[in-house]
Amino acid sequence: MDTGLMARGFELMLFGMTAVGLFLTLLVVAVTLSARVMQRWFPEPEPAPAPRRSGQPSTPAAGAPAPEVVAAIAAALHQHRSQRH
């Protein structure tokens, strides 16, 4: 093969890879700046607290399962382990 043709192909490959790399870097910078601008001038509103029902007892932690659910899970585990052995 012609050495000049190989050198020209390698040069074209390097140019293309550099162009793609620069474009992707520019894209990341633009998206990051856009996100910062949106957060600064258009912040997300804080969610309103959910209304509490008067008949429910307060839960010890947000997202903690109810005691009935914990008891049901414990019973299911006990039954599963007793059947396995």
PDB file of N, CA and C in Angstrom:
ATOM      1  N   MET A   1       0.828  -1.190   0.000  1.00  0.00           N
ATOM      2  CA  MET A   1       0.000   0.000   0.000  1.00  0.00           C
ATOM      3  C   MET A   1       0.874   1.255   0.000  1.00  0.00           C
ATOM      4  N   ASP A   2       0.292   2.294  -0.431  1.00  0.00           N
ATOM      5  CA  ASP A   2       0.995   3.567  -0.511  1.00  0.00           C
ATOM      6  C   ASP A   2       1.124   4.163   0.885  1.00  0.00           C
ATOM      7  N   THR A   3       2.317   4.554   1.292  1.00  0.00           N
ATOM      8  CA  THR A   3       2.558   5.125   2.615  1.00  0.00           C
ATOM      9  C   THR A   3       1.877   6.480   2.753  1.00  0.00           C
ATOM     10  N   GLY A   4       1.832   7.235   1.709  1.00  0.00           N
ATOM     11  CA  GLY A   4       1.174   8.541   1.735  1.00  0.00           C
ATOM     12  C   GLY A   4      -0.319   8.416   1.988  1.00  0.00           C
ATOM     13  N   LEU A   5      -0.921   7.370   1.413  1.00  0.00           N
ATOM     14  CA  LEU A   5      -2.348   7.148   1.609  1.00  0.00           C
ATOM     15  C   LEU A   5      -2.637   6.768   3.059  1.00  0.00           C
ATOM     16  N   MET A   6      -1.782   5.946   3.643  1.00  0.00           N
ATOM     17  CA  MET A   6      -1.941   5.552   5.043  1.00  0.00           C
ATOM     18  C   MET A   6      -1.769   6.772   5.962  1.00  0.00           C
ATOM     19  N   ALA A   7      -0.788   7.614   5.673  1.00  0.00           N
ATOM     20  CA  ALA A   7      -0.562   8.813   6.476  1.00  0.00           C
ATOM     21  C   ALA A   7      -1.754   9.757   6.361  1.00  0.00           C
ATOM     22  N   ARG A   8      -2.301   9.868   5.175  1.00  0.00           N
ATOM     23  CA  ARG A   8      -3.476  10.735   4.973  1.00  0.00           C
ATOM     24  C   ARG A   8      -4.691  10.187   5.739  1.00  0.00           C
ATOM     25  N   GLY A   9      -4.870   8.874   5.729  1.00  0.00           N
ATOM     26  CA  GLY A   9      -5.958   8.245   6.471  1.00  0.00           C
ATOM     27  C   GLY A   9      -5.798   8.427   7.970  1.00  0.00           C
ATOM     28  N   PHE A  10      -4.573   8.273   8.451  1.00  0.00           N
ATOM     29  CA  PHE A  10      -4.309   8.474   9.879  1.00  0.00           C
ATOM     30  C   PHE A  10      -4.559   9.926  10.271  1.00  0.00           C
ATOM     31  N   GLU A  11      -4.165  10.843   9.428  1.00  0.00           N
ATOM     32  CA  GLU A  11      -4.391  12.268   9.690  1.00  0.00           C
ATOM     33  C   GLU A  11      -5.887  12.583   9.752  1.00  0.00           C
ATOM     34  N   LEU A  12      -6.647  12.013   8.820  1.00  0.00           N
ATOM     35  CA  LEU A  12      -8.086  12.219   8.801  1.00  0.00           C
ATOM     36  C   LEU A  12      -8.745  11.621  10.041  1.00  0.00           C
ATOM     37  N   MET A  13      -8.278  10.439  10.447  1.00  0.00           N
ATOM     38  CA  MET A  13      -8.809   9.805  11.643  1.00  0.00           C
ATOM     39  C   MET A  13      -8.535  10.663  12.874  1.00  0.00           C
ATOM     40  N   LEU A  14      -7.342  11.175  12.997  1.00  0.00           N
ATOM     41  CA  LEU A  14      -6.989  12.021  14.141  1.00  0.00           C
ATOM     42  C   LEU A  14      -7.822  13.296  14.156  1.00  0.00           C
ATOM     43  N   PHE A  15      -8.016  13.895  12.992  1.00  0.00           N
ATOM     44  CA  PHE A  15      -8.838  15.098  12.905  1.00  0.00           C
ATOM     45  C   PHE A  15     -10.283  14.806  13.325  1.00  0.00           C
ATOM     46  N   GLY A  16     -10.842  13.720  12.844  1.00  0.00           N
ATOM     47  CA  GLY A  16     -12.213  13.356  13.184  1.00  0.00           C
ATOM     48  C   GLY A  16     -12.378  13.069  14.670  1.00  0.00           C
ATOM     49  N   MET A  17     -11.453  12.318  15.263  1.00  0.00           N
ATOM     50  CA  MET A  17     -11.541  11.992  16.684  1.00  0.00           C
ATOM     51  C   MET A  17     -11.392  13.243  17.544  1.00  0.00           C
ATOM     52  N   THR A  18     -10.538  14.160  17.129  1.00  0.00           N
ATOM     53  CA  THR A  18     -10.366  15.420  17.861  1.00  0.00           C
ATOM     54  C   THR A  18     -11.629  16.262  17.781  1.00  0.00           C
ATOM     55  N   ALA A  19     -12.234  16.320  16.610  1.00  0.00           N
ATOM     56  CA  ALA A  19     -13.460  17.098  16.442  1.00  0.00           C
ATOM     57  C   ALA A  19     -14.582  16.522  17.305  1.00  0.00           C
ATOM     58  N   VAL A  20     -14.727  15.209  17.331  1.00  0.00           N
ATOM     59  CA  VAL A  20     -15.767  14.580  18.146  1.00  0.00           C
ATOM     60  C   VAL A  20     -15.498  14.819  19.627  1.00  0.00           C
ATOM     61  N   GLY A  21     -14.251  14.688  20.055  1.00  0.00           N
ATOM     62  CA  GLY A  21     -13.898  14.922  21.456  1.00  0.00           C
ATOM     63  C   GLY A  21     -14.194  16.353  21.887  1.00  0.00           C
ATOM     64  N   LEU A  22     -13.835  17.309  21.038  1.00  0.00           N
ATOM     65  CA  LEU A  22     -14.120  18.710  21.362  1.00  0.00           C
ATOM     66  C   LEU A  22     -15.610  18.989  21.406  1.00  0.00           C
ATOM     67  N   PHE A  23     -16.368  18.398  20.477  1.00  0.00           N
ATOM     68  CA  PHE A  23     -17.804  18.595  20.466  1.00  0.00           C
ATOM     69  C   PHE A  23     -18.439  18.028  21.733  1.00  0.00           C
ATOM     70  N   LEU A  24     -18.036  16.828  22.133  1.00  0.00           N
ATOM     71  CA  LEU A  24     -18.606  16.227  23.337  1.00  0.00           C
ATOM     72  C   LEU A  24     -18.240  17.024  24.589  1.00  0.00           C
ATOM     73  N   THR A  25     -17.022  17.534  24.645  1.00  0.00           N
ATOM     74  CA  THR A  25     -16.615  18.361  25.782  1.00  0.00           C
ATOM     75  C   THR A  25     -17.446  19.632  25.832  1.00  0.00           C
ATOM     76  N   LEU A  26     -17.632  20.263  24.683  1.00  0.00           N
ATOM     77  CA  LEU A  26     -18.457  21.468  24.613  1.00  0.00           C
ATOM     78  C   LEU A  26     -19.903  21.169  25.010  1.00  0.00           C
ATOM     79  N   LEU A  27     -20.414  20.021  24.620  1.00  0.00           N
ATOM     80  CA  LEU A  27     -21.767  19.620  24.971  1.00  0.00           C
ATOM     81  C   LEU A  27     -21.913  19.425  26.479  1.00  0.00           C
ATOM     82  N   VAL A  28     -20.951  18.799  27.117  1.00  0.00           N
ATOM     83  CA  VAL A  28     -20.994  18.603  28.570  1.00  0.00           C
ATOM     84  C   VAL A  28     -20.962  19.948  29.290  1.00  0.00           C
ATOM     85  N   VAL A  29     -20.102  20.844  28.846  1.00  0.00           N
ATOM     86  CA  VAL A  29     -20.014  22.170  29.473  1.00  0.00           C
ATOM     87  C   VAL A  29     -21.329  22.926  29.295  1.00  0.00           C
ATOM     88  N   ALA A  30     -21.920  22.880  28.117  1.00  0.00           N
ATOM     89  CA  ALA A  30     -23.171  23.592  27.863  1.00  0.00           C
ATOM     90  C   ALA A  30     -24.313  23.037  28.708  1.00  0.00           C
ATOM     91  N   VAL A  31     -24.404  21.723  28.836  1.00  0.00           N
ATOM     92  CA  VAL A  31     -25.470  21.122  29.637  1.00  0.00           C
ATOM     93  C   VAL A  31     -25.284  21.457  31.108  1.00  0.00           C
ATOM     94  N   THR A  32     -24.043  21.424  31.594  1.00  0.00           N
ATOM     95  CA  THR A  32     -23.766  21.751  32.993  1.00  0.00           C
ATOM     96  C   THR A  32     -24.134  23.203  33.288  1.00  0.00           C
ATOM     97  N   LEU A  33     -23.731  24.118  32.412  1.00  0.00           N
ATOM     98  CA  LEU A  33     -24.077  25.528  32.615  1.00  0.00           C
ATOM     99  C   LEU A  33     -25.575  25.750  32.540  1.00  0.00           C
ATOM    100  N   SER A  34     -26.237  25.067  31.623  1.00  0.00           N
ATOM    101  CA  SER A  34     -27.685  25.195  31.506  1.00  0.00           C
ATOM    102  C   SER A  34     -28.380  24.713  32.778  1.00  0.00           C
ATOM    103  N   ALA A  35     -27.917  23.621  33.346  1.00  0.00           N
ATOM    104  CA  ALA A  35     -28.514  23.112  34.584  1.00  0.00           C
ATOM    105  C   ALA A  35     -28.317  24.091  35.731  1.00  0.00           C
ATOM    106  N   ARG A  36     -27.144  24.680  35.816  1.00  0.00           N
ATOM    107  CA  ARG A  36     -26.894  25.660  36.881  1.00  0.00           C
ATOM    108  C   ARG A  36     -27.773  26.897  36.735  1.00  0.00           C
ATOM    109  N   VAL A  37     -27.935  27.364  35.500  1.00  0.00           N
ATOM    110  CA  VAL A  37     -28.787  28.533  35.262  1.00  0.00           C
ATOM    111  C   VAL A  37     -30.226  28.213  35.634  1.00  0.00           C
ATOM    112  N   MET A  38     -30.709  27.057  35.242  1.00  0.00           N
ATOM    113  CA  MET A  38     -32.092  26.683  35.554  1.00  0.00           C
ATOM    114  C   MET A  38     -32.306  26.551  37.056  1.00  0.00           C
ATOM    115  N   GLN A  39     -31.337  25.985  37.769  1.00  0.00           N
ATOM    116  CA  GLN A  39     -31.476  25.840  39.220  1.00  0.00           C
ATOM    117  C   GLN A  39     -31.416  27.184  39.921  1.00  0.00           C
ATOM    118  N   ARG A  40     -30.654  28.099  39.388  1.00  0.00           N
ATOM    119  CA  ARG A  40     -30.511  29.397  40.045  1.00  0.00           C
ATOM    120  C   ARG A  40     -31.747  30.273  39.861  1.00  0.00           C
ATOM    121  N   TRP A  41     -32.247  30.352  38.628  1.00  0.00           N
ATOM    122  CA  TRP A  41     -33.349  31.259  38.351  1.00  0.00           C
ATOM    123  C   TRP A  41     -34.717  30.599  38.440  1.00  0.00           C
ATOM    124  N   PHE A  42     -34.770  29.287  38.331  1.00  0.00           N
ATOM    125  CA  PHE A  42     -36.037  28.568  38.412  1.00  0.00           C
ATOM    126  C   PHE A  42     -35.910  27.392  39.372  1.00  0.00           C
ATOM    127  N   PRO A  43     -35.738  27.669  40.666  1.00  0.00           N
ATOM    128  CA  PRO A  43     -35.571  26.552  41.606  1.00  0.00           C
ATOM    129  C   PRO A  43     -36.872  25.754  41.740  1.00  0.00           C
ATOM    130  N   GLU A  44     -36.728  24.492  42.110  1.00  0.00           N
ATOM    131  CA  GLU A  44     -37.906  23.654  42.309  1.00  0.00           C
ATOM    132  C   GLU A  44     -38.589  24.077  43.603  1.00  0.00           C
ATOM    133  N   PRO A  45     -39.908  24.226  43.573  1.00  0.00           N
ATOM    134  CA  PRO A  45     -40.600  24.614  44.808  1.00  0.00           C
ATOM    135  C   PRO A  45     -40.556  23.469  45.821  1.00  0.00           C
ATOM    136  N   GLU A  46     -40.514  23.846  47.101  1.00  0.00           N
ATOM    137  CA  GLU A  46     -40.501  22.825  48.141  1.00  0.00           C
ATOM    138  C   GLU A  46     -41.880  22.190  48.206  1.00  0.00           C
ATOM    139  N   PRO A  47     -41.923  20.870  48.358  1.00  0.00           N
ATOM    140  CA  PRO A  47     -43.225  20.215  48.394  1.00  0.00           C
ATOM    141  C   PRO A  47     -43.991  20.589  49.658  1.00  0.00           C
ATOM    142  N   ALA A  48     -45.293  20.731  49.513  1.00  0.00           N
ATOM    143  CA  ALA A  48     -46.128  21.067  50.663  1.00  0.00           C
ATOM    144  C   ALA A  48     -46.232  19.849  51.570  1.00  0.00           C
ATOM    145  N   PRO A  49     -46.238  20.057  52.873  1.00  0.00           N
ATOM    146  CA  PRO A  49     -46.354  18.902  53.773  1.00  0.00           C
ATOM    147  C   PRO A  49     -47.707  18.232  53.607  1.00  0.00           C
ATOM    148  N   ALA A  50     -47.698  16.921  53.682  1.00  0.00           N
ATOM    149  CA  ALA A  50     -48.939  16.159  53.528  1.00  0.00           C
ATOM    150  C   ALA A  50     -49.817  16.376  54.757  1.00  0.00           C
ATOM    151  N   PRO A  51     -51.113  16.529  54.546  1.00  0.00           N
ATOM    152  CA  PRO A  51     -51.991  16.718  55.708  1.00  0.00           C
ATOM    153  C   PRO A  51     -52.050  15.446  56.545  1.00  0.00           C
ATOM    154  N   ARG A  52     -52.030  15.618  57.860  1.00  0.00           N
ATOM    155  CA  ARG A  52     -52.083  14.469  58.769  1.00  0.00           C
ATOM    156  C   ARG A  52     -53.525  14.124  59.063  1.00  0.00           C
ATOM    157  N   ARG A  53     -53.759  12.855  59.148  1.00  0.00           N
ATOM    158  CA  ARG A  53     -55.091  12.395  59.541  1.00  0.00           C
ATOM    159  C   ARG A  53     -55.163  12.410  61.050  1.00  0.00           C
ATOM    160  N   SER A  54     -56.289  12.810  61.561  1.00  0.00           N
ATOM    161  CA  SER A  54     -56.399  12.987  63.012  1.00  0.00           C
ATOM    162  C   SER A  54     -56.411  11.664  63.762  1.00  0.00           C
ATOM    163  N   GLY A  55     -56.881  10.576  63.165  1.00  0.00           N
ATOM    164  CA  GLY A  55     -56.999   9.313  63.882  1.00  0.00           C
ATOM    165  C   GLY A  55     -55.748   8.464  63.873  1.00  0.00           C
ATOM    166  N   GLN A  56     -54.721   8.843  63.107  1.00  0.00           N
ATOM    167  CA  GLN A  56     -53.532   8.011  62.996  1.00  0.00           C
ATOM    168  C   GLN A  56     -52.491   8.395  64.035  1.00  0.00           C
ATOM    169  N   PRO A  57     -51.828   7.401  64.633  1.00  0.00           N
ATOM    170  CA  PRO A  57     -50.710   7.733  65.511  1.00  0.00           C
ATOM    171  C   PRO A  57     -49.511   8.188  64.675  1.00  0.00           C
ATOM    172  N   SER A  58     -48.661   8.975  65.260  1.00  0.00           N
ATOM    173  CA  SER A  58     -47.500   9.458  64.521  1.00  0.00           C
ATOM    174  C   SER A  58     -46.497   8.326  64.340  1.00  0.00           C
ATOM    175  N   THR A  59     -45.885   8.273  63.172  1.00  0.00           N
ATOM    176  CA  THR A  59     -44.889   7.239  62.898  1.00  0.00           C
ATOM    177  C   THR A  59     -43.550   7.688  63.456  1.00  0.00           C
ATOM    178  N   PRO A  60     -42.726   6.730  63.918  1.00  0.00           N
ATOM    179  CA  PRO A  60     -41.445   7.110  64.501  1.00  0.00           C
ATOM    180  C   PRO A  60     -40.478   7.741  63.502  1.00  0.00           C
ATOM    181  N   ALA A  61     -40.513   7.292  62.249  1.00  0.00           N
ATOM    182  CA  ALA A  61     -39.613   7.862  61.237  1.00  0.00           C
ATOM    183  C   ALA A  61     -40.367   7.928  59.913  1.00  0.00           C
ATOM    184  N   ALA A  62     -40.009   8.901  59.122  1.00  0.00           N
ATOM    185  CA  ALA A  62     -40.653   9.040  57.819  1.00  0.00           C
ATOM    186  C   ALA A  62     -40.275   7.847  56.951  1.00  0.00           C
ATOM    187  N   GLY A  63     -41.274   7.218  56.362  1.00  0.00           N
ATOM    188  CA  GLY A  63     -41.016   6.078  55.499  1.00  0.00           C
ATOM    189  C   GLY A  63     -40.898   4.766  56.235  1.00  0.00           C
ATOM    190  N   ALA A  64     -41.015   4.748  57.568  1.00  0.00           N
ATOM    191  CA  ALA A  64     -40.938   3.505  58.320  1.00  0.00           C
ATOM    192  C   ALA A  64     -42.236   2.731  58.133  1.00  0.00           C
ATOM    193  N   PRO A  65     -42.148   1.402  58.008  1.00  0.00           N
ATOM    194  CA  PRO A  65     -43.373   0.623  57.831  1.00  0.00           C
ATOM    195  C   PRO A  65     -44.200   0.592  59.117  1.00  0.00           C
ATOM    196  N   ALA A  66     -45.483   0.385  58.950  1.00  0.00           N
ATOM    197  CA  ALA A  66     -46.384   0.317  60.097  1.00  0.00           C
ATOM    198  C   ALA A  66     -46.076  -0.936  60.918  1.00  0.00           C
ATOM    199  N   PRO A  67     -46.381  -0.926  62.206  1.00  0.00           N
ATOM    200  CA  PRO A  67     -46.104  -2.104  63.043  1.00  0.00           C
ATOM    201  C   PRO A  67     -46.810  -3.363  62.534  1.00  0.00           C
ATOM    202  N   GLU A  68     -47.995  -3.220  61.932  1.00  0.00           N
ATOM    203  CA  GLU A  68     -48.695  -4.384  61.403  1.00  0.00           C
ATOM    204  C   GLU A  68     -47.916  -5.013  60.252  1.00  0.00           C
ATOM    205  N   VAL A  69     -47.308  -4.175  59.440  1.00  0.00           N
ATOM    206  CA  VAL A  69     -46.520  -4.673  58.309  1.00  0.00           C
ATOM    207  C   VAL A  69     -45.280  -5.392  58.815  1.00  0.00           C
ATOM    208  N   VAL A  70     -44.635  -4.839  59.823  1.00  0.00           N
ATOM    209  CA  VAL A  70     -43.446  -5.477  60.397  1.00  0.00           C
ATOM    210  C   VAL A  70     -43.824  -6.830  60.983  1.00  0.00           C
ATOM    211  N   ALA A  71     -44.953  -6.895  61.666  1.00  0.00           N
ATOM    212  CA  ALA A  71     -45.392  -8.162  62.253  1.00  0.00           C
ATOM    213  C   ALA A  71     -45.696  -9.195  61.158  1.00  0.00           C
ATOM    214  N   ALA A  72     -46.332  -8.771  60.075  1.00  0.00           N
ATOM    215  CA  ALA A  72     -46.641  -9.686  58.976  1.00  0.00           C
ATOM    216  C   ALA A  72     -45.368 -10.210  58.324  1.00  0.00           C
ATOM    217  N   ILE A  73     -44.381  -9.353  58.144  1.00  0.00           N
ATOM    218  CA  ILE A  73     -43.111  -9.780  57.544  1.00  0.00           C
ATOM    219  C   ILE A  73     -42.406 -10.768  58.461  1.00  0.00           C
ATOM    220  N   ALA A  74     -42.392 -10.481  59.772  1.00  0.00           N
ATOM    221  CA  ALA A  74     -41.748 -11.381  60.738  1.00  0.00           C
ATOM    222  C   ALA A  74     -42.436 -12.744  60.734  1.00  0.00           C
ATOM    223  N   ALA A  75     -43.767 -12.753  60.667  1.00  0.00           N
ATOM    224  CA  ALA A  75     -44.495 -14.024  60.638  1.00  0.00           C
ATOM    225  C   ALA A  75     -44.195 -14.805  59.365  1.00  0.00           C
ATOM    226  N   ALA A  76     -44.116 -14.114  58.237  1.00  0.00           N
ATOM    227  CA  ALA A  76     -43.813 -14.780  56.970  1.00  0.00           C
ATOM    228  C   ALA A  76     -42.402 -15.366  56.983  1.00  0.00           C
ATOM    229  N   LEU A  77     -41.457 -14.634  57.521  1.00  0.00           N
ATOM    230  CA  LEU A  77     -40.082 -15.150  57.628  1.00  0.00           C
ATOM    231  C   LEU A  77     -40.026 -16.363  58.539  1.00  0.00           C
ATOM    232  N   HIS A  78     -40.717 -16.300  59.649  1.00  0.00           N
ATOM    233  CA  HIS A  78     -40.727 -17.422  60.587  1.00  0.00           C
ATOM    234  C   HIS A  78     -41.315 -18.658  59.923  1.00  0.00           C
ATOM    235  N   GLN A  79     -42.421 -18.484  59.179  1.00  0.00           N
ATOM    236  CA  GLN A  79     -43.052 -19.614  58.506  1.00  0.00           C
ATOM    237  C   GLN A  79     -42.136 -20.176  57.421  1.00  0.00           C
ATOM    238  N   HIS A  80     -41.485 -19.310  56.678  1.00  0.00           N
ATOM    239  CA  HIS A  80     -40.590 -19.762  55.604  1.00  0.00           C
ATOM    240  C   HIS A  80     -39.408 -20.549  56.174  1.00  0.00           C
ATOM    241  N   ARG A  81     -38.818 -20.028  57.227  1.00  0.00           N
ATOM    242  CA  ARG A  81     -37.661 -20.708  57.830  1.00  0.00           C
ATOM    243  C   ARG A  81     -38.050 -22.020  58.485  1.00  0.00           C
ATOM    244  N   SER A  82     -39.235 -22.108  59.043  1.00  0.00           N
ATOM    245  CA  SER A  82     -39.654 -23.353  59.696  1.00  0.00           C
ATOM    246  C   SER A  82     -39.975 -24.418  58.646  1.00  0.00           C
ATOM    247  N   GLN A  83     -40.446 -24.034  57.473  1.00  0.00           N
ATOM    248  CA  GLN A  83     -40.749 -25.001  56.412  1.00  0.00           C
ATOM    249  C   GLN A  83     -39.477 -25.492  55.737  1.00  0.00           C
ATOM    250  N   ARG A  84     -38.479 -24.679  55.681  1.00  0.00           N
ATOM    251  CA  ARG A  84     -37.231 -25.026  55.002  1.00  0.00           C
ATOM    252  C   ARG A  84     -36.441 -26.064  55.764  1.00  0.00           C
ATOM    253  N   HIS A  85     -36.459 -26.036  57.085  1.00  0.00           N
ATOM    254  CA  HIS A  85     -35.640 -26.934  57.887  1.00  0.00           C
ATOM    255  C   HIS A  85     -36.399 -28.072  58.405  1.00  0.00           C
TER     256      HIS A  85
END
